[in-house]
């Protein structure tokens, strides 16, 4: 199983999952599903899951500077997913989607006060930047804990049972 999971495979799986979640959430929101039902399909859940998977892949492949690798993966995943979500806000503006999270009243891009490309880009970029920072913080915490736990388990299993101290 060690060879099965590497960082690139985890990244691909995470990005595919993000696309699926984004599409499912939009379909639910546009079909009038309650907010709680639609919010279950948020990309934010992946910011808790993927860092742990990155940590396991990093530890399984005994890479040097594991925290640096983890941070690179977490930041890249956050950027990729937030760009995807930002694009939904741009599309929502042009297609006049009615979901509450896209409304100008809730910080979105749909409404009579949102008219210029500059405002549209500002909102999409602002939301993406805020979430990239949040996702990086969440990922750093979850991933670091996972790196630590996985490292402890690897150290425990690498000590011979008959070793004398």
N, C-alpha and C. Protein backbone atom coordinates (compact mmCIF):
# COMPACT_ATOMS: atom_id res chain seq x y z
N UNK A 1 0.83 -1.20 0.00
CA UNK A 1 0.00 0.00 0.00
C UNK A 1 0.87 1.26 0.00
N UNK A 2 2.09 1.17 0.50
CA UNK A 2 2.97 2.32 0.52
C UNK A 2 3.18 2.90 -0.87
N UNK A 3 3.34 2.04 -1.85
CA UNK A 3 3.61 2.50 -3.21
C UNK A 3 2.35 3.01 -3.90
N UNK A 4 1.19 2.60 -3.38
CA UNK A 4 -0.07 2.98 -4.02
C UNK A 4 -0.33 4.49 -3.96
N UNK A 5 -0.05 5.10 -2.83
CA UNK A 5 -0.39 6.50 -2.63
C UNK A 5 0.86 7.37 -2.67
N UNK A 6 0.88 8.29 -3.59
CA UNK A 6 1.92 9.30 -3.57
C UNK A 6 1.22 10.66 -3.61
N UNK A 7 1.97 11.71 -3.44
CA UNK A 7 1.37 13.05 -3.35
C UNK A 7 0.60 13.43 -4.61
N UNK A 8 1.14 13.08 -5.76
CA UNK A 8 0.48 13.44 -7.02
C UNK A 8 -0.87 12.74 -7.14
N UNK A 9 -0.92 11.48 -6.74
CA UNK A 9 -2.18 10.73 -6.80
C UNK A 9 -3.20 11.31 -5.82
N UNK A 10 -2.73 11.66 -4.63
CA UNK A 10 -3.61 12.28 -3.64
C UNK A 10 -4.14 13.61 -4.18
N UNK A 11 -3.26 14.40 -4.81
CA UNK A 11 -3.68 15.69 -5.37
C UNK A 11 -4.73 15.47 -6.46
N UNK A 12 -4.51 14.53 -7.35
CA UNK A 12 -5.48 14.27 -8.43
C UNK A 12 -6.82 13.85 -7.87
N UNK A 13 -6.80 12.92 -6.92
CA UNK A 13 -8.04 12.45 -6.31
C UNK A 13 -8.76 13.61 -5.62
N UNK A 14 -8.00 14.43 -4.91
CA UNK A 14 -8.59 15.58 -4.22
C UNK A 14 -9.22 16.58 -5.18
N UNK A 15 -8.55 16.84 -6.29
CA UNK A 15 -9.10 17.80 -7.27
C UNK A 15 -10.32 17.24 -7.97
N UNK A 16 -10.32 15.96 -8.26
CA UNK A 16 -11.51 15.33 -8.86
C UNK A 16 -12.67 15.39 -7.87
N UNK A 17 -12.39 15.10 -6.61
CA UNK A 17 -13.43 15.19 -5.58
C UNK A 17 -13.95 16.62 -5.47
N UNK A 18 -13.06 17.61 -5.57
CA UNK A 18 -13.47 19.01 -5.49
C UNK A 18 -14.42 19.37 -6.64
N UNK A 19 -14.09 18.95 -7.84
CA UNK A 19 -14.96 19.23 -9.00
C UNK A 19 -16.33 18.61 -8.78
N UNK A 20 -16.35 17.37 -8.33
CA UNK A 20 -17.63 16.68 -8.09
C UNK A 20 -18.44 17.41 -7.03
N UNK A 21 -17.79 17.80 -5.92
CA UNK A 21 -18.49 18.52 -4.85
C UNK A 21 -19.02 19.87 -5.33
N UNK A 22 -18.23 20.58 -6.10
CA UNK A 22 -18.66 21.89 -6.61
C UNK A 22 -19.89 21.73 -7.50
N UNK A 23 -19.85 20.79 -8.39
CA UNK A 23 -20.99 20.57 -9.30
C UNK A 23 -22.22 20.13 -8.53
N UNK A 24 -22.06 19.18 -7.60
CA UNK A 24 -23.20 18.72 -6.80
C UNK A 24 -23.82 19.87 -6.01
N UNK A 25 -22.98 20.68 -5.41
CA UNK A 25 -23.50 21.80 -4.61
C UNK A 25 -24.27 22.79 -5.48
N UNK A 26 -23.73 23.11 -6.63
CA UNK A 26 -24.42 24.06 -7.52
C UNK A 26 -25.76 23.49 -7.97
N UNK A 27 -25.77 22.23 -8.32
CA UNK A 27 -27.03 21.59 -8.75
C UNK A 27 -28.05 21.64 -7.62
N UNK A 28 -27.62 21.30 -6.41
CA UNK A 28 -28.53 21.34 -5.26
C UNK A 28 -29.03 22.76 -4.99
N UNK A 29 -28.12 23.73 -4.99
CA UNK A 29 -28.51 25.11 -4.71
C UNK A 29 -29.48 25.63 -5.77
N UNK A 30 -29.17 25.36 -7.01
CA UNK A 30 -30.03 25.88 -8.09
C UNK A 30 -31.37 25.16 -8.17
N UNK A 31 -31.44 23.96 -7.61
CA UNK A 31 -32.72 23.24 -7.61
C UNK A 31 -33.55 23.58 -6.38
N UNK A 32 -33.02 24.46 -5.51
CA UNK A 32 -33.79 24.93 -4.36
C UNK A 32 -33.63 24.10 -3.11
N UNK A 33 -32.62 23.29 -3.03
CA UNK A 33 -32.39 22.48 -1.83
C UNK A 33 -32.10 23.40 -0.64
N UNK A 34 -32.47 22.98 0.56
CA UNK A 34 -32.18 23.80 1.75
C UNK A 34 -30.67 24.04 1.89
N UNK A 35 -30.31 25.16 2.50
CA UNK A 35 -28.91 25.54 2.66
C UNK A 35 -28.09 24.43 3.32
N UNK A 36 -28.62 23.83 4.38
CA UNK A 36 -27.88 22.80 5.10
C UNK A 36 -27.60 21.59 4.21
N UNK A 37 -28.54 21.22 3.38
CA UNK A 37 -28.33 20.08 2.48
C UNK A 37 -27.25 20.39 1.46
N UNK A 38 -27.27 21.58 0.91
CA UNK A 38 -26.28 21.95 -0.10
C UNK A 38 -24.90 22.16 0.51
N UNK A 39 -24.86 22.69 1.73
CA UNK A 39 -23.56 23.00 2.33
C UNK A 39 -22.79 21.74 2.73
N UNK A 40 -23.45 20.62 2.81
CA UNK A 40 -22.76 19.35 3.08
C UNK A 40 -21.75 19.07 1.97
N UNK A 41 -22.05 19.54 0.78
CA UNK A 41 -21.20 19.28 -0.38
C UNK A 41 -20.22 20.43 -0.62
N UNK A 42 -19.64 20.93 0.43
CA UNK A 42 -18.67 22.02 0.30
C UNK A 42 -17.25 21.51 0.16
N UNK A 43 -16.45 22.24 -0.57
CA UNK A 43 -15.03 21.91 -0.76
C UNK A 43 -14.27 22.03 0.56
N UNK A 44 -14.80 22.80 1.48
CA UNK A 44 -14.10 23.03 2.75
C UNK A 44 -13.80 21.73 3.49
N UNK A 45 -14.63 20.73 3.34
CA UNK A 45 -14.39 19.44 4.00
C UNK A 45 -13.08 18.82 3.53
N UNK A 46 -12.74 19.06 2.29
CA UNK A 46 -11.49 18.50 1.74
C UNK A 46 -10.26 19.11 2.40
N UNK A 47 -10.39 20.32 2.94
CA UNK A 47 -9.25 20.96 3.61
C UNK A 47 -8.91 20.27 4.93
N UNK A 48 -9.79 19.44 5.42
CA UNK A 48 -9.52 18.65 6.62
C UNK A 48 -9.01 17.25 6.26
N UNK A 49 -9.46 16.73 5.13
CA UNK A 49 -9.14 15.36 4.74
C UNK A 49 -7.82 15.26 3.98
N UNK A 50 -7.64 16.11 2.97
CA UNK A 50 -6.47 15.99 2.09
C UNK A 50 -5.14 16.21 2.79
N UNK A 51 -5.02 17.16 3.73
CA UNK A 51 -3.72 17.31 4.40
C UNK A 51 -3.28 16.03 5.13
N UNK A 52 -4.23 15.31 5.71
CA UNK A 52 -3.88 14.05 6.37
C UNK A 52 -3.42 13.03 5.33
N UNK A 53 -4.08 13.01 4.19
CA UNK A 53 -3.67 12.09 3.12
C UNK A 53 -2.30 12.47 2.56
N UNK A 54 -2.05 13.77 2.41
CA UNK A 54 -0.73 14.23 1.97
C UNK A 54 0.34 13.78 2.97
N UNK A 55 0.04 13.94 4.25
CA UNK A 55 1.01 13.58 5.29
C UNK A 55 1.36 12.10 5.24
N UNK A 56 0.36 11.26 5.07
CA UNK A 56 0.60 9.81 4.99
C UNK A 56 1.46 9.49 3.76
N UNK A 57 1.12 10.10 2.62
CA UNK A 57 1.90 9.86 1.40
C UNK A 57 3.34 10.33 1.57
N UNK A 58 3.53 11.47 2.21
CA UNK A 58 4.88 12.01 2.42
C UNK A 58 5.68 11.08 3.33
N UNK A 59 5.08 10.66 4.43
CA UNK A 59 5.78 9.77 5.37
C UNK A 59 6.04 8.40 4.76
N UNK A 60 5.10 7.89 3.97
CA UNK A 60 5.29 6.58 3.35
C UNK A 60 6.43 6.58 2.36
N UNK A 61 6.71 7.71 1.78
CA UNK A 61 7.78 7.78 0.79
C UNK A 61 9.06 8.38 1.39
N UNK A 62 9.09 8.52 2.72
CA UNK A 62 10.28 8.99 3.45
C UNK A 62 10.94 10.19 2.79
N UNK A 63 10.18 11.18 2.48
CA UNK A 63 10.74 12.36 1.83
C UNK A 63 11.41 13.26 2.86
N UNK A 64 12.49 13.91 2.42
CA UNK A 64 13.16 14.86 3.29
C UNK A 64 12.30 16.12 3.38
N UNK A 65 12.47 16.84 4.45
CA UNK A 65 11.71 18.06 4.71
C UNK A 65 10.21 17.83 4.56
N UNK A 66 9.64 16.93 5.36
CA UNK A 66 8.22 16.58 5.19
C UNK A 66 7.28 17.77 5.40
N UNK A 67 7.61 18.65 6.35
CA UNK A 67 6.71 19.79 6.58
C UNK A 67 6.69 20.73 5.38
N UNK A 68 7.85 20.97 4.78
CA UNK A 68 7.92 21.81 3.59
C UNK A 68 7.11 21.22 2.44
N UNK A 69 7.21 19.90 2.24
CA UNK A 69 6.43 19.22 1.20
C UNK A 69 4.94 19.36 1.50
N UNK A 70 4.59 19.13 2.76
CA UNK A 70 3.19 19.22 3.15
C UNK A 70 2.64 20.62 2.87
N UNK A 71 3.38 21.65 3.26
CA UNK A 71 2.91 23.01 3.04
C UNK A 71 2.75 23.32 1.56
N UNK A 72 3.68 22.84 0.74
CA UNK A 72 3.57 23.05 -0.70
C UNK A 72 2.30 22.40 -1.23
N UNK A 73 2.05 21.17 -0.84
CA UNK A 73 0.85 20.46 -1.31
C UNK A 73 -0.43 21.13 -0.82
N UNK A 74 -0.44 21.53 0.44
CA UNK A 74 -1.63 22.18 1.02
C UNK A 74 -1.92 23.50 0.31
N UNK A 75 -0.90 24.31 0.11
CA UNK A 75 -1.09 25.61 -0.54
C UNK A 75 -1.55 25.42 -1.99
N UNK A 76 -0.91 24.51 -2.71
CA UNK A 76 -1.33 24.26 -4.10
C UNK A 76 -2.76 23.76 -4.18
N UNK A 77 -3.12 22.83 -3.30
CA UNK A 77 -4.49 22.32 -3.30
C UNK A 77 -5.49 23.44 -2.99
N UNK A 78 -5.15 24.28 -2.03
CA UNK A 78 -6.03 25.40 -1.68
C UNK A 78 -6.19 26.35 -2.87
N UNK A 79 -5.10 26.67 -3.54
CA UNK A 79 -5.17 27.58 -4.69
C UNK A 79 -6.00 26.96 -5.80
N UNK A 80 -5.73 25.71 -6.15
CA UNK A 80 -6.48 25.05 -7.23
C UNK A 80 -7.98 25.03 -6.95
N UNK A 81 -8.34 24.63 -5.72
CA UNK A 81 -9.77 24.52 -5.42
C UNK A 81 -10.44 25.89 -5.33
N UNK A 82 -9.74 26.87 -4.79
CA UNK A 82 -10.37 28.19 -4.67
C UNK A 82 -10.51 28.86 -6.02
N UNK A 83 -9.62 28.58 -6.95
CA UNK A 83 -9.79 29.10 -8.31
C UNK A 83 -11.05 28.48 -8.93
N UNK A 84 -11.25 27.18 -8.69
CA UNK A 84 -12.46 26.53 -9.21
C UNK A 84 -13.72 27.17 -8.61
N UNK A 85 -13.71 27.39 -7.31
CA UNK A 85 -14.87 28.00 -6.66
C UNK A 85 -15.05 29.44 -7.14
N UNK A 86 -13.96 30.19 -7.28
CA UNK A 86 -14.05 31.57 -7.77
C UNK A 86 -14.71 31.60 -9.16
N UNK A 87 -14.40 30.62 -9.96
CA UNK A 87 -15.00 30.57 -11.30
C UNK A 87 -16.51 30.36 -11.21
N UNK A 88 -16.97 29.65 -10.19
CA UNK A 88 -18.42 29.49 -10.04
C UNK A 88 -19.09 30.83 -9.73
N UNK A 89 -18.40 31.68 -8.99
CA UNK A 89 -18.95 33.01 -8.69
C UNK A 89 -19.01 33.87 -9.96
N UNK A 90 -18.02 33.73 -10.81
CA UNK A 90 -18.02 34.46 -12.08
C UNK A 90 -19.16 33.95 -12.96
N UNK A 91 -19.30 32.65 -13.05
CA UNK A 91 -20.38 32.06 -13.85
C UNK A 91 -21.74 32.45 -13.27
N UNK A 92 -21.84 32.44 -11.93
CA UNK A 92 -23.10 32.82 -11.27
C UNK A 92 -23.50 34.24 -11.65
N UNK A 93 -22.52 35.12 -11.74
CA UNK A 93 -22.80 36.51 -12.11
C UNK A 93 -23.38 36.59 -13.52
N UNK A 94 -22.74 35.91 -14.44
CA UNK A 94 -23.18 35.99 -15.84
C UNK A 94 -24.49 35.24 -16.10
N UNK A 95 -24.74 34.18 -15.32
CA UNK A 95 -25.98 33.41 -15.51
C UNK A 95 -27.08 33.80 -14.52
N UNK A 96 -26.78 34.77 -13.66
CA UNK A 96 -27.75 35.27 -12.68
C UNK A 96 -28.31 34.16 -11.79
N UNK A 97 -27.45 33.35 -11.23
CA UNK A 97 -27.90 32.26 -10.37
C UNK A 97 -28.56 32.82 -9.13
N UNK A 98 -29.54 32.09 -8.64
CA UNK A 98 -30.36 32.57 -7.53
C UNK A 98 -29.94 32.04 -6.16
N UNK A 99 -28.97 31.18 -6.09
CA UNK A 99 -28.55 30.64 -4.79
C UNK A 99 -28.09 31.77 -3.87
N UNK A 100 -28.45 31.66 -2.61
CA UNK A 100 -28.19 32.73 -1.64
C UNK A 100 -26.70 33.09 -1.53
N UNK A 101 -25.81 32.12 -1.59
CA UNK A 101 -24.39 32.44 -1.40
C UNK A 101 -23.81 33.27 -2.53
N UNK A 102 -24.49 33.31 -3.67
CA UNK A 102 -24.02 34.12 -4.79
C UNK A 102 -24.59 35.53 -4.78
N UNK A 103 -25.54 35.80 -3.89
CA UNK A 103 -26.19 37.12 -3.87
C UNK A 103 -25.24 38.18 -3.32
N UNK A 104 -25.39 39.39 -3.82
CA UNK A 104 -24.57 40.51 -3.37
C UNK A 104 -24.77 40.77 -1.88
N UNK A 105 -25.97 40.50 -1.39
CA UNK A 105 -26.27 40.72 0.02
C UNK A 105 -25.41 39.83 0.93
N UNK A 106 -24.97 38.69 0.41
CA UNK A 106 -24.14 37.77 1.20
C UNK A 106 -22.68 37.77 0.73
N UNK A 107 -22.29 38.81 0.03
CA UNK A 107 -20.90 38.93 -0.41
C UNK A 107 -20.62 38.27 -1.74
N UNK A 108 -21.65 37.89 -2.45
CA UNK A 108 -21.50 37.22 -3.73
C UNK A 108 -21.44 38.18 -4.91
N UNK A 109 -21.66 37.64 -6.08
CA UNK A 109 -21.48 38.41 -7.31
C UNK A 109 -22.76 38.62 -8.10
N UNK A 110 -23.91 38.28 -7.53
CA UNK A 110 -25.18 38.43 -8.25
C UNK A 110 -26.04 39.47 -7.54
N UNK A 111 -26.43 40.48 -8.29
CA UNK A 111 -27.29 41.52 -7.74
C UNK A 111 -27.19 42.79 -8.55
N UNK A 112 -28.14 43.69 -8.35
CA UNK A 112 -28.14 44.92 -9.14
C UNK A 112 -26.93 45.82 -8.87
N UNK A 113 -26.34 45.71 -7.70
CA UNK A 113 -25.19 46.56 -7.38
C UNK A 113 -23.89 46.02 -7.99
N UNK A 114 -23.90 44.81 -8.47
CA UNK A 114 -22.70 44.20 -9.06
C UNK A 114 -22.81 44.34 -10.57
N UNK A 115 -22.04 45.28 -11.12
CA UNK A 115 -22.17 45.52 -12.54
C UNK A 115 -20.85 45.48 -13.30
N UNK A 116 -19.78 45.86 -12.71
CA UNK A 116 -18.54 45.96 -13.47
C UNK A 116 -17.67 44.73 -13.30
N UNK A 117 -16.85 44.51 -14.30
CA UNK A 117 -15.91 43.39 -14.25
C UNK A 117 -14.93 43.59 -13.10
N UNK A 118 -14.56 44.85 -12.86
CA UNK A 118 -13.63 45.14 -11.77
C UNK A 118 -14.22 44.67 -10.43
N UNK A 119 -15.48 44.97 -10.17
CA UNK A 119 -16.12 44.55 -8.93
C UNK A 119 -16.23 43.04 -8.89
N UNK A 120 -16.59 42.46 -10.02
CA UNK A 120 -16.72 41.02 -10.09
C UNK A 120 -15.38 40.35 -9.80
N UNK A 121 -14.33 40.84 -10.41
CA UNK A 121 -13.00 40.26 -10.17
C UNK A 121 -12.55 40.50 -8.73
N UNK A 122 -12.85 41.68 -8.20
CA UNK A 122 -12.46 41.98 -6.82
C UNK A 122 -13.12 40.99 -5.86
N UNK A 123 -14.40 40.76 -6.03
CA UNK A 123 -15.13 39.86 -5.12
C UNK A 123 -14.59 38.44 -5.25
N UNK A 124 -14.45 37.96 -6.47
CA UNK A 124 -13.97 36.58 -6.68
C UNK A 124 -12.55 36.41 -6.13
N UNK A 125 -11.69 37.36 -6.40
CA UNK A 125 -10.30 37.27 -5.93
C UNK A 125 -10.23 37.41 -4.41
N UNK A 126 -11.01 38.34 -3.86
CA UNK A 126 -11.04 38.53 -2.40
C UNK A 126 -11.47 37.23 -1.71
N UNK A 127 -12.56 36.63 -2.18
CA UNK A 127 -13.04 35.39 -1.58
C UNK A 127 -12.00 34.27 -1.71
N UNK A 128 -11.36 34.19 -2.88
CA UNK A 128 -10.35 33.16 -3.09
C UNK A 128 -9.17 33.36 -2.15
N UNK A 129 -8.70 34.59 -1.99
CA UNK A 129 -7.56 34.84 -1.12
C UNK A 129 -7.87 34.52 0.34
N UNK A 130 -9.03 34.93 0.78
CA UNK A 130 -9.42 34.64 2.16
C UNK A 130 -9.43 33.14 2.40
N UNK A 131 -10.03 32.41 1.45
CA UNK A 131 -10.13 30.97 1.63
C UNK A 131 -8.81 30.25 1.43
N UNK A 132 -7.93 30.75 0.61
CA UNK A 132 -6.60 30.13 0.47
C UNK A 132 -5.87 30.24 1.80
N UNK A 133 -5.95 31.39 2.44
CA UNK A 133 -5.31 31.56 3.75
C UNK A 133 -5.94 30.62 4.77
N UNK A 134 -7.26 30.57 4.83
CA UNK A 134 -7.96 29.70 5.78
C UNK A 134 -7.63 28.24 5.53
N UNK A 135 -7.67 27.82 4.26
CA UNK A 135 -7.38 26.43 3.92
C UNK A 135 -5.95 26.07 4.26
N UNK A 136 -5.03 27.01 4.09
CA UNK A 136 -3.63 26.75 4.41
C UNK A 136 -3.46 26.59 5.91
N UNK A 137 -4.12 27.41 6.69
CA UNK A 137 -4.03 27.29 8.15
C UNK A 137 -4.61 25.95 8.61
N UNK A 138 -5.81 25.62 8.10
CA UNK A 138 -6.44 24.34 8.45
C UNK A 138 -5.53 23.18 8.03
N UNK A 139 -5.04 23.24 6.80
CA UNK A 139 -4.19 22.17 6.29
C UNK A 139 -2.89 22.03 7.05
N UNK A 140 -2.30 23.15 7.44
CA UNK A 140 -1.05 23.09 8.21
C UNK A 140 -1.27 22.42 9.55
N UNK A 141 -2.38 22.74 10.20
CA UNK A 141 -2.67 22.14 11.50
C UNK A 141 -2.96 20.64 11.36
N UNK A 142 -3.91 20.30 10.49
CA UNK A 142 -4.30 18.89 10.31
C UNK A 142 -3.12 18.08 9.78
N UNK A 143 -2.43 18.62 8.78
CA UNK A 143 -1.31 17.90 8.18
C UNK A 143 -0.15 17.71 9.14
N UNK A 144 0.16 18.74 9.94
CA UNK A 144 1.25 18.62 10.90
C UNK A 144 0.96 17.56 11.95
N UNK A 145 -0.26 17.55 12.42
CA UNK A 145 -0.67 16.53 13.40
C UNK A 145 -0.54 15.15 12.76
N UNK A 146 -0.98 15.02 11.52
CA UNK A 146 -0.90 13.74 10.82
C UNK A 146 0.54 13.32 10.57
N UNK A 147 1.40 14.27 10.20
CA UNK A 147 2.83 13.96 10.01
C UNK A 147 3.44 13.46 11.32
N UNK A 148 3.10 14.13 12.40
CA UNK A 148 3.63 13.75 13.70
C UNK A 148 3.18 12.34 14.09
N UNK A 149 1.87 12.09 13.97
CA UNK A 149 1.33 10.77 14.34
C UNK A 149 1.92 9.68 13.45
N UNK A 150 1.96 9.91 12.16
CA UNK A 150 2.51 8.91 11.23
C UNK A 150 3.99 8.70 11.50
N UNK A 151 4.73 9.75 11.82
CA UNK A 151 6.14 9.62 12.16
C UNK A 151 6.36 8.80 13.42
N UNK A 152 5.53 9.02 14.42
CA UNK A 152 5.62 8.25 15.67
C UNK A 152 5.36 6.78 15.41
N UNK A 153 4.34 6.50 14.61
CA UNK A 153 4.01 5.10 14.30
C UNK A 153 5.13 4.43 13.52
N UNK A 154 5.73 5.18 12.59
CA UNK A 154 6.82 4.61 11.80
C UNK A 154 8.03 4.34 12.68
N UNK A 155 8.33 5.24 13.61
CA UNK A 155 9.45 5.06 14.53
C UNK A 155 9.22 3.87 15.45
N UNK A 156 7.98 3.70 15.90
CA UNK A 156 7.65 2.61 16.80
C UNK A 156 7.79 1.26 16.09
N UNK A 157 7.39 1.20 14.83
CA UNK A 157 7.46 -0.06 14.10
C UNK A 157 8.86 -0.35 13.58
N UNK A 158 9.73 0.65 13.54
CA UNK A 158 11.08 0.42 13.02
C UNK A 158 12.05 -0.07 14.10
N UNK A 159 11.66 -0.03 15.37
CA UNK A 159 12.51 -0.50 16.46
C UNK A 159 12.32 -2.01 16.57
N UNK A 160 13.41 -2.79 16.53
CA UNK A 160 13.29 -4.24 16.66
C UNK A 160 12.69 -4.61 18.02
N UNK A 161 11.86 -5.65 18.06
CA UNK A 161 11.20 -6.01 19.34
C UNK A 161 12.18 -6.44 20.41
N UNK A 162 13.36 -6.97 20.06
CA UNK A 162 14.31 -7.45 21.06
C UNK A 162 15.38 -6.42 21.38
N UNK A 163 15.18 -5.19 20.96
CA UNK A 163 16.21 -4.16 21.17
C UNK A 163 16.35 -3.88 22.67
N UNK A 164 17.59 -3.77 23.11
CA UNK A 164 17.82 -3.43 24.52
C UNK A 164 18.21 -1.95 24.59
N UNK A 165 17.77 -1.30 25.60
CA UNK A 165 18.02 0.13 25.74
C UNK A 165 19.02 0.35 26.80
